[in-house]
Amino acid sequence: GSPITAEERRLRDKKHLNDITAARLPPLHHSPAKLLSVEESIAIQIQQKEAYEEMQAKLAAQKLAERLNIKMLRFEPEGEASMQYREVRDED
């Protein structure tokens, strides 16, 4: 056969794909990949590691509280909870 260019081949393959499936790729919402310096990469990795460890600590505390059947309630010494025990009486 006659040689075809890469662009023609891509269009032909795309047309064939459109004929056999209705599936479409989702639109690209994020910017394309970019190169980072080693320092930027290390900083991002450290930040992600700290966020991961914080999330793991919260999850571990939650699981431990559930296992020990501990209920965490709001403590408001000056708020609504302290007012429940007070009786207001008129002096009249």
Protein backbone atom coordinates (compact mmCIF):
# COMPACT_ATOMS: atom_id res chain seq x y z
CA GLY A 1 0.00 0.00 0.00
CA SER A 2 0.90 3.61 -0.16
CA PRO A 3 2.78 5.08 2.78
CA ILE A 4 0.62 7.28 5.02
CA THR A 5 1.74 9.96 7.40
CA ALA A 6 1.51 9.65 11.19
CA GLU A 7 -1.24 12.28 11.25
CA GLU A 8 -3.34 10.38 8.71
CA ARG A 9 -2.81 7.15 10.64
CA ARG A 10 -3.88 8.84 13.89
CA LEU A 11 -7.04 10.21 12.25
CA ARG A 12 -7.85 6.83 10.74
CA ASP A 13 -7.37 5.07 14.08
CA LYS A 14 -9.50 7.69 15.85
CA LYS A 15 -12.29 7.30 13.29
CA HIS A 16 -12.16 3.52 13.71
CA LEU A 17 -12.32 3.91 17.50
CA ASN A 18 -15.34 6.21 17.13
CA ASP A 19 -17.04 3.54 15.01
CA ILE A 20 -16.60 0.72 17.52
CA THR A 21 -17.18 2.47 20.88
CA ALA A 22 -19.08 5.37 22.38
CA ALA A 23 -16.53 5.70 25.19
CA ARG A 24 -14.72 9.02 25.33
CA LEU A 25 -11.78 10.18 27.37
CA PRO A 26 -12.71 12.68 30.07
CA PRO A 27 -11.59 16.25 29.46
CA LEU A 28 -8.23 17.21 30.91
CA HIS A 29 -8.93 19.35 33.99
CA HIS A 30 -5.38 19.62 35.20
CA SER A 31 -2.38 21.18 33.60
CA PRO A 32 0.00 18.81 31.87
CA ALA A 33 2.95 17.38 33.77
CA LYS A 34 5.86 19.68 34.37
CA LEU A 35 9.46 19.17 35.37
CA LEU A 36 10.43 19.94 38.95
CA SER A 37 13.79 20.52 40.47
CA VAL A 38 15.05 17.98 42.98
CA GLU A 39 14.58 20.50 45.80
CA GLU A 40 10.93 21.16 44.84
CA SER A 41 10.28 17.43 44.59
CA ILE A 42 11.78 16.78 48.02
CA ALA A 43 9.75 19.62 49.56
CA ILE A 44 6.53 18.23 48.07
CA GLN A 45 7.36 14.71 49.24
CA ILE A 46 8.05 15.92 52.78
CA GLN A 47 4.78 17.88 52.82
CA GLN A 48 2.83 14.85 51.57
CA LYS A 49 4.53 12.60 54.13
CA GLU A 50 3.60 14.96 56.98
CA ALA A 51 -0.02 15.15 55.80
CA TYR A 52 -0.14 11.35 55.50
CA GLU A 53 1.29 10.85 58.99
CA GLU A 54 -1.17 13.37 60.46
CA MET A 55 -4.07 11.56 58.79
CA GLN A 56 -2.77 8.21 60.05
CA ALA A 57 -2.51 9.58 63.60
CA LYS A 58 -6.10 10.88 63.47
CA LEU A 59 -7.34 7.56 62.14
CA ALA A 60 -5.42 5.62 64.81
CA ALA A 61 -6.85 7.86 67.55
CA GLN A 62 -10.36 7.39 66.17
CA LYS A 63 -9.98 3.60 66.04
CA LEU A 64 -8.56 3.52 69.56
CA ALA A 65 -11.42 5.66 70.86
CA GLU A 66 -13.94 3.34 69.20
CA ARG A 67 -12.23 0.26 70.62
CA LEU A 68 -12.17 1.71 74.14
CA ASN A 69 -15.71 3.05 73.71
CA ILE A 70 -14.68 6.63 74.51
CA LYS A 71 -17.09 9.37 73.55
CA MET A 72 -15.67 12.78 72.77
CA LEU A 73 -18.09 15.54 73.74
CA ARG A 74 -17.75 19.27 73.37
CA PHE A 75 -16.60 21.03 76.51
CA GLU A 76 -17.88 24.56 76.92
CA PRO A 77 -17.41 25.73 80.50
CA GLU A 78 -18.89 29.15 79.76
CA GLY A 79 -21.40 27.98 77.21
CA GLU A 80 -24.67 26.17 77.01
CA ALA A 81 -23.69 23.08 79.02
CA SER A 82 -23.00 25.02 82.21
CA MET A 83 -26.36 26.80 81.95
CA GLN A 84 -28.30 23.54 82.13
CA TYR A 85 -27.54 23.11 85.84
CA ARG A 86 -28.47 26.62 86.91
CA GLU A 87 -31.94 27.55 87.99
CA VAL A 88 -33.04 31.09 87.55
CA ARG A 89 -35.45 32.31 90.22
CA ASP A 90 -37.06 35.66 90.58
CA GLU A 91 -36.54 37.30 93.93
CA ASP A 92 -40.04 38.82 93.79
